[in-house]
Amino acid sequence: MSNEVILKKTLFGGFKKGDVLDYIEKLQQENVELKAGAGEKENILASLEEAYNTCSALKEEKAALEKAKEELLAKADELAAANEQLREALAKAENFRDYAPSEEKGKAVIRDAVKYADSLVDAAKQDAADVLVAAKARIDSAAESILQAQERANTARNNLDYSLSSVGESIKAMLDSLAGLTDELSGDNPNG
């Protein structure tokens, strides 16, 4: 209690029972409020733990997405190298076309091989682009979730600091009041 309480004495040594009971009732009410504040702190701590767990899970997911991205880029490089080899084989085949039994048949085979190689490369590029877009979207979402979790954690920490400060002040005031009451009741108070 921040207000100093003055208990009136009765005519025959002691204090008015009603004043003492009112004072004790106020102390009990403050005790109830302090217990409610403790419950709020537990909720804040649970929110902080949940935010930390969410942040950890998002970091793990981000790492997995980055690994998948690297694997897809490596696959795209492999497909590009295979396409280059097919192009080189095509160039060599064109050099030997004069020896082919049928020039039109050889050209058709070469055209089909080039189309097939190009379709493989295009499909790989499209797959890689799709995965990169999806990975970027998931990474952006994870980053946003991390920022929100950090904001919730900061808010919870500020609330906890404020609550702890308020509880500490209330406990100190109660202890001071109880000490004063104890002194008055025991007759040790020179002012009483």
Protein backbone atom coordinates (compact mmCIF):
# COMPACT_ATOMS: atom_id res chain seq x y z
CA MET A 1 0.00 0.00 0.00
CA SER A 2 1.38 3.35 -0.93
CA ASN A 3 -0.79 5.28 1.56
CA GLU A 4 0.17 5.34 5.20
CA VAL A 5 -2.63 3.96 7.33
CA ILE A 6 -3.34 5.45 10.70
CA LEU A 7 -5.10 3.17 13.12
CA LYS A 8 -7.03 4.95 15.81
CA LYS A 9 -6.55 3.85 19.38
CA THR A 10 -9.40 3.12 21.67
CA LEU A 11 -9.84 4.58 25.09
CA PHE A 12 -8.62 1.46 26.91
CA GLY A 13 -5.33 0.54 25.20
CA GLY A 14 -5.59 -0.98 21.80
CA PHE A 15 -6.89 -0.10 18.37
CA LYS A 16 -10.33 0.12 16.90
CA LYS A 17 -11.18 -3.32 15.72
CA GLY A 18 -13.03 -2.04 12.59
CA ASP A 19 -9.97 -0.05 11.45
CA VAL A 20 -7.69 -3.05 11.91
CA LEU A 21 -10.09 -5.33 10.05
CA ASP A 22 -10.45 -2.80 7.20
CA TYR A 23 -6.67 -2.54 6.96
CA ILE A 24 -6.27 -6.32 6.90
CA GLU A 25 -8.97 -6.56 4.21
CA LYS A 26 -7.07 -4.02 2.06
CA LEU A 27 -3.89 -6.07 2.50
CA GLN A 28 -5.74 -9.22 1.47
CA GLN A 29 -7.08 -7.46 -1.65
CA GLU A 30 -3.54 -6.38 -2.57
CA ASN A 31 -2.40 -9.97 -2.07
CA VAL A 32 -5.11 -11.15 -4.51
CA GLU A 33 -3.99 -8.53 -7.04
CA LEU A 34 -0.36 -9.62 -6.68
CA LYS A 35 -1.33 -13.25 -7.27
CA ALA A 36 -3.23 -12.19 -10.42
CA GLY A 37 -0.10 -10.36 -11.58
CA ALA A 38 1.91 -13.55 -11.04
CA GLY A 39 -0.54 -15.46 -13.28
CA GLU A 40 -0.11 -12.80 -15.96
CA LYS A 41 3.68 -13.20 -15.75
CA GLU A 42 3.30 -16.96 -16.28
CA ASN A 43 1.22 -16.27 -19.41
CA ILE A 44 3.86 -13.85 -20.68
CA LEU A 45 6.60 -16.41 -20.07
CA ALA A 46 4.59 -19.05 -21.94
CA SER A 47 4.16 -16.61 -24.86
CA LEU A 48 7.90 -15.97 -24.89
CA GLU A 49 8.64 -19.70 -24.96
CA GLU A 50 6.15 -20.23 -27.79
CA ALA A 51 7.72 -17.39 -29.79
CA TYR A 52 11.18 -18.87 -29.25
CA ASN A 53 10.03 -22.33 -30.41
CA THR A 54 8.36 -20.83 -33.50
CA CYS A 55 11.53 -18.90 -34.31
CA SER A 56 13.65 -22.06 -34.00
CA ALA A 57 11.31 -24.05 -36.25
CA LEU A 58 11.33 -21.30 -38.87
CA LYS A 59 15.12 -21.17 -38.85
CA GLU A 60 15.26 -24.93 -39.43
CA GLU A 61 12.76 -24.67 -42.29
CA LYS A 62 14.76 -21.83 -43.85
CA ALA A 63 17.94 -23.94 -43.72
CA ALA A 64 16.13 -26.87 -45.39
CA LEU A 65 14.81 -24.58 -48.14
CA GLU A 66 18.26 -23.17 -48.79
CA LYS A 67 19.66 -26.71 -49.07
CA ALA A 68 16.90 -27.67 -51.53
CA LYS A 69 17.66 -24.54 -53.55
CA GLU A 70 21.35 -25.46 -53.77
CA GLU A 71 20.47 -29.00 -54.88
CA LEU A 72 18.17 -27.69 -57.60
CA LEU A 73 20.81 -25.27 -58.84
CA ALA A 74 23.30 -28.13 -59.01
CA LYS A 75 20.78 -30.23 -60.96
CA ALA A 76 20.20 -27.35 -63.39
CA ASP A 77 23.97 -27.08 -63.92
CA GLU A 78 24.17 -30.83 -64.60
CA LEU A 79 21.34 -30.59 -67.14
CA ALA A 80 22.99 -27.62 -68.83
CA ALA A 81 26.24 -29.60 -69.10
CA ALA A 82 24.34 -32.58 -70.58
CA ASN A 83 22.71 -30.24 -73.10
CA GLU A 84 26.11 -28.89 -74.07
CA GLN A 85 27.37 -32.45 -74.62
CA LEU A 86 24.35 -33.16 -76.83
CA ARG A 87 25.06 -30.03 -78.86
CA GLU A 88 28.68 -31.12 -79.31
CA ALA A 89 27.52 -34.57 -80.40
CA LEU A 90 25.15 -32.89 -82.85
CA ALA A 91 27.96 -30.81 -84.29
CA LYS A 92 30.08 -33.94 -84.76
CA ALA A 93 27.15 -35.73 -86.35
CA GLU A 94 26.71 -32.90 -88.82
CA ASN A 95 30.38 -33.26 -89.80
CA PHE A 96 29.74 -36.90 -90.68
CA ARG A 97 26.48 -36.37 -92.53
CA ASP A 98 28.13 -36.88 -95.86
CA TYR A 99 28.76 -40.47 -94.81
CA ALA A 100 25.19 -41.08 -93.74
CA PRO A 101 23.14 -43.37 -95.94
CA SER A 102 20.34 -40.84 -96.15
CA GLU A 103 20.96 -37.18 -95.54
CA GLU A 104 17.33 -36.36 -94.72
CA LYS A 105 17.13 -39.22 -92.24
CA GLY A 106 20.30 -38.04 -90.49
CA LYS A 107 19.05 -34.45 -90.33
CA ALA A 108 15.75 -35.60 -88.87
CA VAL A 109 17.54 -37.60 -86.18
CA ILE A 110 19.74 -34.62 -85.36
CA ARG A 111 16.76 -32.23 -85.23
CA ASP A 112 14.90 -34.61 -82.93
CA ALA A 113 17.94 -34.94 -80.66
CA VAL A 114 18.33 -31.16 -80.44
CA LYS A 115 14.62 -30.66 -79.71
CA TYR A 116 14.73 -33.33 -77.03
CA ALA A 117 17.85 -31.82 -75.43
CA ASP A 118 16.34 -28.34 -75.52
CA SER A 119 13.10 -29.59 -73.98
CA LEU A 120 15.07 -31.24 -71.14
CA VAL A 121 16.96 -28.04 -70.44
CA ASP A 122 13.80 -25.91 -70.61
CA ALA A 123 11.96 -28.27 -68.25
CA ALA A 124 14.87 -28.25 -65.81
CA LYS A 125 15.08 -24.45 -65.92
CA GLN A 126 11.33 -24.16 -65.31
CA ASP A 127 11.48 -26.64 -62.41
CA ALA A 128 14.40 -24.76 -60.89
CA ALA A 129 12.63 -21.41 -61.32
CA ASP A 130 9.42 -22.76 -59.75
CA VAL A 131 11.30 -24.17 -56.78
CA LEU A 132 13.26 -20.95 -56.33
CA VAL A 133 10.05 -18.88 -56.38
CA ALA A 134 8.41 -21.23 -53.87
CA ALA A 135 11.52 -21.27 -51.67
CA LYS A 136 11.74 -17.48 -51.74
CA ALA A 137 8.08 -17.19 -50.77
CA ARG A 138 8.58 -19.63 -47.88
CA ILE A 139 11.75 -17.83 -46.77
CA ASP A 140 9.95 -14.46 -46.89
CA SER A 141 7.07 -15.94 -44.89
CA ALA A 142 9.50 -17.43 -42.37
CA ALA A 143 11.29 -14.08 -42.06
CA GLU A 144 7.98 -12.32 -41.44
CA SER A 145 7.04 -14.90 -38.81
CA ILE A 146 10.43 -14.44 -37.13
CA LEU A 147 9.91 -10.66 -37.02
CA GLN A 148 6.44 -11.10 -35.54
CA ALA A 149 7.80 -13.55 -32.96
CA GLN A 150 10.54 -11.07 -32.03
CA GLU A 151 7.95 -8.29 -31.66
CA ARG A 152 5.80 -10.52 -29.43
CA ALA A 153 8.87 -11.45 -27.38
CA ASN A 154 9.84 -7.77 -26.96
CA THR A 155 6.31 -6.84 -25.93
CA ALA A 156 6.16 -9.74 -23.49
CA ARG A 157 9.56 -8.82 -22.04
CA ASN A 158 8.45 -5.18 -21.56
CA ASN A 159 5.20 -6.32 -19.92
CA LEU A 160 7.12 -8.70 -17.67
CA ASP A 161 9.58 -5.96 -16.66
CA TYR A 162 6.70 -3.62 -15.85
CA SER A 163 4.82 -6.31 -13.94
CA LEU A 164 7.88 -7.29 -11.94
CA SER A 165 8.52 -3.65 -11.09
CA SER A 166 4.90 -3.14 -9.99
CA VAL A 167 4.89 -6.33 -7.94
CA GLY A 168 8.15 -5.35 -6.28
CA GLU A 169 6.79 -1.92 -5.35
CA SER A 170 3.57 -3.43 -4.02
CA ILE A 171 5.42 -6.00 -1.93
CA LYS A 172 7.71 -3.32 -0.50
CA ALA A 173 4.74 -1.11 0.37
CA MET A 174 2.94 -4.06 2.00
CA LEU A 175 6.02 -4.98 4.01
CA ASP A 176 6.43 -1.37 5.14
CA SER A 177 2.76 -1.22 6.12
CA LEU A 178 2.96 -4.54 7.96
CA ALA A 179 6.09 -3.41 9.79
CA GLY A 180 4.33 -0.21 10.84
CA LEU A 181 1.25 -2.12 11.92
CA THR A 182 3.39 -4.60 13.84
CA ASP A 183 5.15 -1.74 15.62
CA GLU A 184 1.84 -0.09 16.46
CA LEU A 185 0.25 -3.29 17.67
CA SER A 186 3.23 -4.20 19.81
CA GLY A 187 3.47 -0.73 21.29
CA ASP A 188 7.06 -0.17 20.05
CA ASN A 189 6.09 2.87 18.03
CA PRO A 190 7.08 6.03 19.91
CA ASN A 191 4.51 8.07 17.92
CA GLY A 192 1.61 5.78 18.83
